[in-house]
C-alpha cells in the first residue's frame, strides 16, 4: 500500500487509486481488473463506471453533504471512462464537464501523496 508514482497509489485491497478530474475525487480501480503493468502510462480494463449522488467536496475531501437542486432533491451523477495508455477517456454518459474528453491521468493532489497521507 502506498504511492506508486505521482499519479497512482496502491490501496489496501491491492487496487490502484488515481485522481479523477471530472469528479474531483479519488477513484479506485479494482485489483481484479486487467492492468498492463505500465506504471507511467497504464491501461486498465474494463471501463470504470460510477453512479451515485453528487457530493460536496472541499479541498478534495467530502463534507458529508450532498449537492441539491433548487427544490432540495439530491442530484445523481455518472462518471464513466476507460484508462488507456495513461489517459482517462471519458464516455458520453458522464454527467460532469469532461464528458467525451480525453485527459492525461493527473498528479495526485495535495493530501493524497505519501508525504501527506499516513494511512488509507
N, C-alpha and C. Protein backbone atom coordinates (compact mmCIF):
# COMPACT_ATOMS: atom_id res chain seq x y z
N UNK A 1 0.84 -1.17 0.00
CA UNK A 1 0.00 0.00 0.00
C UNK A 1 0.89 1.24 0.00
N UNK A 2 0.60 2.18 -0.86
CA UNK A 2 1.36 3.41 -0.89
C UNK A 2 1.48 3.96 -2.29
N UNK A 3 2.14 5.06 -2.34
CA UNK A 3 2.28 5.78 -3.59
C UNK A 3 3.17 5.02 -4.55
N UNK A 4 2.71 4.84 -5.79
CA UNK A 4 3.48 4.17 -6.84
C UNK A 4 4.32 5.19 -7.59
N UNK A 5 3.66 6.29 -7.97
CA UNK A 5 4.32 7.40 -8.65
C UNK A 5 3.48 8.65 -8.39
N UNK A 6 3.71 9.72 -9.11
CA UNK A 6 2.99 10.97 -8.81
C UNK A 6 1.52 10.91 -9.21
N UNK A 7 1.12 9.88 -9.95
CA UNK A 7 -0.26 9.76 -10.43
C UNK A 7 -1.06 8.63 -9.79
N UNK A 8 -0.38 7.62 -9.26
CA UNK A 8 -1.05 6.40 -8.80
C UNK A 8 -0.61 6.01 -7.40
N UNK A 9 -1.51 5.34 -6.68
CA UNK A 9 -1.14 4.73 -5.41
C UNK A 9 -1.91 3.44 -5.22
N UNK A 10 -1.29 2.48 -4.57
CA UNK A 10 -1.96 1.22 -4.23
C UNK A 10 -2.77 1.43 -2.96
N UNK A 11 -3.88 0.72 -2.89
CA UNK A 11 -4.72 0.78 -1.70
C UNK A 11 -4.75 -0.60 -1.04
N UNK A 12 -5.35 -0.70 0.12
CA UNK A 12 -5.27 -1.90 0.95
C UNK A 12 -5.68 -3.18 0.23
N UNK A 13 -6.70 -3.15 -0.60
CA UNK A 13 -7.13 -4.38 -1.27
C UNK A 13 -6.32 -4.71 -2.52
N UNK A 14 -5.29 -3.92 -2.81
CA UNK A 14 -4.45 -4.14 -3.98
C UNK A 14 -4.88 -3.36 -5.20
N UNK A 15 -6.01 -2.68 -5.11
CA UNK A 15 -6.46 -1.84 -6.21
C UNK A 15 -5.53 -0.65 -6.39
N UNK A 16 -5.74 0.08 -7.47
CA UNK A 16 -4.92 1.25 -7.76
C UNK A 16 -5.81 2.48 -7.80
N UNK A 17 -5.41 3.49 -7.03
CA UNK A 17 -6.18 4.72 -6.93
C UNK A 17 -5.54 5.81 -7.76
N UNK A 18 -6.40 6.69 -8.30
CA UNK A 18 -5.93 7.85 -9.04
C UNK A 18 -6.94 8.97 -8.84
N UNK A 19 -6.54 10.18 -9.18
CA UNK A 19 -7.40 11.35 -9.06
C UNK A 19 -8.25 11.47 -10.33
N UNK A 20 -9.55 11.69 -10.15
CA UNK A 20 -10.44 11.90 -11.29
C UNK A 20 -10.74 13.40 -11.38
N UNK A 21 -10.27 14.06 -12.44
CA UNK A 21 -10.51 15.49 -12.57
C UNK A 21 -11.96 15.83 -12.89
N UNK A 22 -12.71 14.86 -13.41
CA UNK A 22 -14.12 15.10 -13.69
C UNK A 22 -14.96 15.16 -12.44
N UNK A 23 -14.66 14.29 -11.49
CA UNK A 23 -15.42 14.22 -10.23
C UNK A 23 -14.77 15.03 -9.11
N UNK A 24 -13.46 15.29 -9.25
CA UNK A 24 -12.75 15.98 -8.18
C UNK A 24 -12.56 15.10 -6.97
N UNK A 25 -12.32 13.81 -7.21
CA UNK A 25 -12.11 12.87 -6.11
C UNK A 25 -11.27 11.69 -6.58
N UNK A 26 -10.84 10.89 -5.62
CA UNK A 26 -10.10 9.67 -5.89
C UNK A 26 -11.05 8.59 -6.38
N UNK A 27 -10.63 7.84 -7.41
CA UNK A 27 -11.33 6.63 -7.84
C UNK A 27 -10.37 5.46 -7.67
N UNK A 28 -10.91 4.31 -7.32
CA UNK A 28 -10.08 3.12 -7.10
C UNK A 28 -10.45 2.06 -8.13
N UNK A 29 -9.46 1.65 -8.92
CA UNK A 29 -9.64 0.59 -9.90
C UNK A 29 -9.33 -0.74 -9.21
N UNK A 30 -10.27 -1.69 -9.24
CA UNK A 30 -10.09 -2.95 -8.51
C UNK A 30 -8.88 -3.75 -8.96
N UNK A 31 -8.30 -4.49 -8.02
CA UNK A 31 -7.12 -5.31 -8.31
C UNK A 31 -7.44 -6.45 -9.27
N UNK A 32 -8.69 -6.83 -9.39
CA UNK A 32 -9.08 -7.94 -10.26
C UNK A 32 -9.11 -7.55 -11.74
N UNK A 33 -9.03 -6.27 -12.05
CA UNK A 33 -9.10 -5.82 -13.43
C UNK A 33 -7.76 -6.01 -14.14
N UNK A 34 -7.83 -6.10 -15.46
CA UNK A 34 -6.63 -6.19 -16.27
C UNK A 34 -5.82 -4.90 -16.11
N UNK A 35 -4.53 -5.05 -15.89
CA UNK A 35 -3.60 -3.93 -15.81
C UNK A 35 -2.38 -4.33 -16.64
N UNK A 36 -1.97 -3.48 -17.56
CA UNK A 36 -0.87 -3.83 -18.46
C UNK A 36 0.51 -3.75 -17.81
N UNK A 37 0.59 -3.30 -16.55
CA UNK A 37 1.85 -3.24 -15.84
C UNK A 37 2.66 -1.98 -16.09
N UNK A 38 2.22 -1.13 -16.99
CA UNK A 38 2.93 0.10 -17.30
C UNK A 38 2.56 1.16 -16.27
N UNK A 39 3.47 1.45 -15.36
CA UNK A 39 3.17 2.41 -14.29
C UNK A 39 3.20 3.86 -14.75
N UNK A 40 3.85 4.14 -15.85
CA UNK A 40 3.94 5.52 -16.35
C UNK A 40 2.75 5.88 -17.24
N UNK A 41 2.29 4.95 -18.07
CA UNK A 41 1.16 5.18 -18.98
C UNK A 41 0.26 3.95 -18.95
N UNK A 42 -0.43 3.71 -17.84
CA UNK A 42 -1.16 2.46 -17.66
C UNK A 42 -2.42 2.34 -18.51
N UNK A 43 -2.77 1.09 -18.77
CA UNK A 43 -4.05 0.73 -19.37
C UNK A 43 -4.72 -0.26 -18.43
N UNK A 44 -5.99 -0.03 -18.15
CA UNK A 44 -6.80 -0.92 -17.32
C UNK A 44 -8.05 -1.31 -18.11
N UNK A 45 -8.57 -2.49 -17.85
CA UNK A 45 -9.84 -2.91 -18.42
C UNK A 45 -10.61 -3.69 -17.39
N UNK A 46 -11.91 -3.62 -17.35
CA UNK A 46 -12.81 -2.92 -18.26
C UNK A 46 -12.87 -1.43 -17.94
N UNK A 47 -13.86 -0.76 -18.50
CA UNK A 47 -14.05 0.66 -18.20
C UNK A 47 -14.50 0.81 -16.75
N UNK A 48 -14.28 1.99 -16.20
CA UNK A 48 -14.72 2.32 -14.84
C UNK A 48 -16.01 3.12 -14.96
N UNK A 49 -17.04 2.69 -14.24
CA UNK A 49 -18.31 3.43 -14.23
C UNK A 49 -18.78 3.54 -12.80
N UNK A 50 -19.04 4.76 -12.39
CA UNK A 50 -19.51 5.01 -11.04
C UNK A 50 -20.77 5.85 -11.12
N UNK A 51 -21.83 5.35 -10.51
CA UNK A 51 -23.09 6.09 -10.41
C UNK A 51 -23.31 6.43 -8.95
N UNK A 52 -23.86 7.57 -8.70
CA UNK A 52 -24.13 7.94 -7.31
C UNK A 52 -24.82 9.27 -7.25
N UNK A 53 -24.66 9.90 -6.13
CA UNK A 53 -25.20 11.23 -5.90
C UNK A 53 -24.04 12.20 -5.83
N UNK A 54 -24.26 13.39 -6.36
CA UNK A 54 -23.21 14.41 -6.31
C UNK A 54 -22.96 14.80 -4.86
N UNK A 55 -21.69 14.78 -4.48
CA UNK A 55 -21.29 15.13 -3.12
C UNK A 55 -20.62 16.49 -3.10
N UNK A 56 -20.61 17.11 -1.96
CA UNK A 56 -19.94 18.40 -1.78
C UNK A 56 -18.54 18.12 -1.26
N UNK A 57 -17.53 18.58 -2.01
CA UNK A 57 -16.13 18.41 -1.63
C UNK A 57 -15.50 19.76 -1.38
N UNK A 58 -14.64 19.81 -0.37
CA UNK A 58 -13.82 20.98 -0.13
C UNK A 58 -12.38 20.47 -0.02
N UNK A 59 -11.51 21.00 -0.85
CA UNK A 59 -10.11 20.57 -0.89
C UNK A 59 -9.98 19.06 -1.08
N UNK A 60 -10.84 18.49 -1.93
CA UNK A 60 -10.78 17.07 -2.24
C UNK A 60 -11.35 16.15 -1.18
N UNK A 61 -11.94 16.71 -0.14
CA UNK A 61 -12.50 15.87 0.93
C UNK A 61 -14.00 16.10 1.02
N UNK A 62 -14.72 14.99 1.14
CA UNK A 62 -16.17 15.05 1.23
C UNK A 62 -16.59 15.67 2.54
N UNK A 63 -17.52 16.61 2.47
CA UNK A 63 -18.00 17.31 3.66
C UNK A 63 -19.09 16.54 4.39
N UNK A 64 -19.62 15.48 3.77
CA UNK A 64 -20.75 14.74 4.34
C UNK A 64 -22.09 15.26 3.81
N UNK A 65 -22.01 16.27 2.97
CA UNK A 65 -23.23 16.86 2.39
C UNK A 65 -23.39 16.44 0.94
N UNK A 66 -24.63 16.44 0.47
CA UNK A 66 -24.97 16.13 -0.92
C UNK A 66 -25.35 17.41 -1.64
N UNK A 67 -24.98 17.50 -2.92
CA UNK A 67 -25.44 18.62 -3.74
C UNK A 67 -26.93 18.45 -3.97
N UNK A 68 -27.63 19.57 -4.02
CA UNK A 68 -29.08 19.53 -4.19
C UNK A 68 -29.52 20.52 -5.26
N UNK A 69 -30.62 20.17 -5.92
CA UNK A 69 -31.17 21.08 -6.92
C UNK A 69 -32.00 22.17 -6.22
N UNK A 70 -32.63 23.02 -7.00
CA UNK A 70 -33.38 24.16 -6.45
C UNK A 70 -34.54 23.73 -5.56
N UNK A 71 -35.04 22.51 -5.74
CA UNK A 71 -36.16 22.03 -4.91
C UNK A 71 -35.69 21.20 -3.72
N UNK A 72 -34.36 21.06 -3.57
CA UNK A 72 -33.83 20.34 -2.41
C UNK A 72 -33.56 18.86 -2.64
N UNK A 73 -33.79 18.38 -3.86
CA UNK A 73 -33.54 16.97 -4.17
C UNK A 73 -32.06 16.74 -4.46
N UNK A 74 -31.55 15.58 -4.04
CA UNK A 74 -30.18 15.22 -4.36
C UNK A 74 -30.04 15.06 -5.87
N UNK A 75 -28.82 15.28 -6.36
CA UNK A 75 -28.56 15.26 -7.80
C UNK A 75 -27.73 14.02 -8.15
N UNK A 76 -28.25 13.16 -9.04
CA UNK A 76 -27.47 11.98 -9.44
C UNK A 76 -26.32 12.36 -10.37
N UNK A 77 -25.33 11.47 -10.44
CA UNK A 77 -24.25 11.67 -11.40
C UNK A 77 -23.71 10.33 -11.87
N UNK A 78 -23.01 10.38 -13.00
CA UNK A 78 -22.32 9.22 -13.56
C UNK A 78 -20.94 9.66 -14.00
N UNK A 79 -19.94 8.87 -13.65
CA UNK A 79 -18.59 9.03 -14.16
C UNK A 79 -18.23 7.71 -14.82
N UNK A 80 -17.90 7.74 -16.10
CA UNK A 80 -17.62 6.52 -16.86
C UNK A 80 -16.46 6.81 -17.81
N UNK A 81 -15.41 6.01 -17.72
CA UNK A 81 -14.24 6.23 -18.55
C UNK A 81 -13.43 4.96 -18.74
N UNK A 82 -12.57 5.00 -19.74
CA UNK A 82 -11.56 3.98 -19.98
C UNK A 82 -10.22 4.59 -19.62
N UNK A 83 -9.31 3.75 -19.14
CA UNK A 83 -7.94 4.18 -18.89
C UNK A 83 -7.08 3.48 -19.94
N UNK A 84 -6.55 4.28 -20.88
CA UNK A 84 -5.78 3.74 -21.99
C UNK A 84 -4.50 4.56 -22.15
N UNK A 85 -3.37 3.88 -22.02
CA UNK A 85 -2.05 4.49 -22.22
C UNK A 85 -1.90 5.80 -21.43
N UNK A 86 -2.32 5.77 -20.18
CA UNK A 86 -2.14 6.92 -19.29
C UNK A 86 -3.16 8.03 -19.45
N UNK A 87 -4.20 7.79 -20.25
CA UNK A 87 -5.25 8.78 -20.44
C UNK A 87 -6.57 8.29 -19.87
N UNK A 88 -7.34 9.22 -19.33
CA UNK A 88 -8.72 8.96 -18.95
C UNK A 88 -9.57 9.36 -20.15
N UNK A 89 -10.27 8.40 -20.72
CA UNK A 89 -11.10 8.65 -21.89
C UNK A 89 -12.56 8.61 -21.43
N UNK A 90 -13.12 9.78 -21.15
CA UNK A 90 -14.45 9.88 -20.59
C UNK A 90 -15.52 9.57 -21.64
N UNK A 91 -16.52 8.81 -21.25
CA UNK A 91 -17.58 8.36 -22.14
C UNK A 91 -18.72 9.37 -22.23
N UNK A 92 -19.63 9.11 -23.16
CA UNK A 92 -20.71 10.06 -23.42
C UNK A 92 -21.83 10.03 -22.37
N UNK A 93 -21.78 9.10 -21.42
CA UNK A 93 -22.81 9.08 -20.38
C UNK A 93 -22.36 9.77 -19.09
N UNK A 94 -21.17 10.38 -19.09
CA UNK A 94 -20.72 11.15 -17.93
C UNK A 94 -21.64 12.36 -17.73
N UNK A 95 -21.84 12.72 -16.48
CA UNK A 95 -22.67 13.90 -16.20
C UNK A 95 -21.83 15.07 -15.73
N UNK A 96 -20.50 14.95 -15.83
CA UNK A 96 -19.64 16.06 -15.45
C UNK A 96 -19.06 16.75 -16.69
N UNK A 97 -18.29 17.77 -16.48
CA UNK A 97 -17.81 18.64 -17.56
C UNK A 97 -16.83 17.96 -18.52
N UNK A 98 -16.25 16.81 -18.16
CA UNK A 98 -15.28 16.16 -19.04
C UNK A 98 -15.90 15.09 -19.95
N UNK A 99 -17.21 15.08 -20.08
CA UNK A 99 -17.90 14.14 -20.96
C UNK A 99 -17.27 14.19 -22.36
N UNK A 100 -17.00 13.01 -22.93
CA UNK A 100 -16.43 12.85 -24.28
C UNK A 100 -15.04 13.45 -24.46
N UNK A 101 -14.30 13.66 -23.39
CA UNK A 101 -12.95 14.22 -23.50
C UNK A 101 -11.91 13.19 -23.07
N UNK A 102 -10.68 13.39 -23.54
CA UNK A 102 -9.54 12.59 -23.13
C UNK A 102 -8.57 13.50 -22.40
N UNK A 103 -8.13 13.07 -21.22
CA UNK A 103 -7.16 13.85 -20.45
C UNK A 103 -6.12 12.90 -19.84
N UNK A 104 -4.89 13.34 -19.71
CA UNK A 104 -3.89 12.52 -19.02
C UNK A 104 -4.31 12.31 -17.57
N UNK A 105 -3.94 11.16 -17.01
CA UNK A 105 -4.19 10.95 -15.58
C UNK A 105 -3.45 12.05 -14.84
N UNK A 106 -4.15 12.85 -14.02
CA UNK A 106 -3.46 13.94 -13.33
C UNK A 106 -2.64 13.46 -12.15
N UNK A 107 -1.72 14.30 -11.71
CA UNK A 107 -0.96 14.02 -10.50
C UNK A 107 -1.91 13.93 -9.31
N UNK A 108 -1.53 13.14 -8.33
CA UNK A 108 -2.30 13.09 -7.09
C UNK A 108 -2.25 14.47 -6.44
N UNK A 109 -3.37 14.95 -5.95
CA UNK A 109 -3.38 16.28 -5.33
C UNK A 109 -2.78 16.26 -3.93
N UNK A 110 -2.54 17.44 -3.42
CA UNK A 110 -2.06 17.57 -2.04
C UNK A 110 -3.02 16.82 -1.12
N UNK A 111 -2.46 16.13 -0.16
CA UNK A 111 -3.26 15.37 0.78
C UNK A 111 -3.36 13.89 0.44
N UNK A 112 -2.94 13.51 -0.77
CA UNK A 112 -3.04 12.11 -1.18
C UNK A 112 -1.69 11.48 -1.51
N UNK A 113 -0.61 12.20 -1.28
CA UNK A 113 0.71 11.63 -1.50
C UNK A 113 1.21 11.01 -0.20
N UNK A 114 2.24 10.16 -0.30
CA UNK A 114 2.79 9.51 0.89
C UNK A 114 3.26 10.51 1.94
N UNK A 115 3.77 11.64 1.46
CA UNK A 115 4.26 12.63 2.40
C UNK A 115 3.13 13.22 3.27
N UNK A 116 1.92 13.21 2.73
CA UNK A 116 0.79 13.88 3.42
C UNK A 116 -0.26 12.92 3.95
N UNK A 117 -0.19 11.66 3.56
CA UNK A 117 -1.23 10.71 3.91
C UNK A 117 -0.61 9.58 4.72
N UNK A 118 -1.02 9.43 5.93
CA UNK A 118 -0.41 8.43 6.80
C UNK A 118 -1.01 7.04 6.59
N UNK A 119 -2.29 6.95 6.25
CA UNK A 119 -2.90 5.64 6.01
C UNK A 119 -4.15 5.78 5.15
N UNK A 120 -4.49 4.69 4.49
CA UNK A 120 -5.70 4.65 3.64
C UNK A 120 -6.65 3.68 4.23
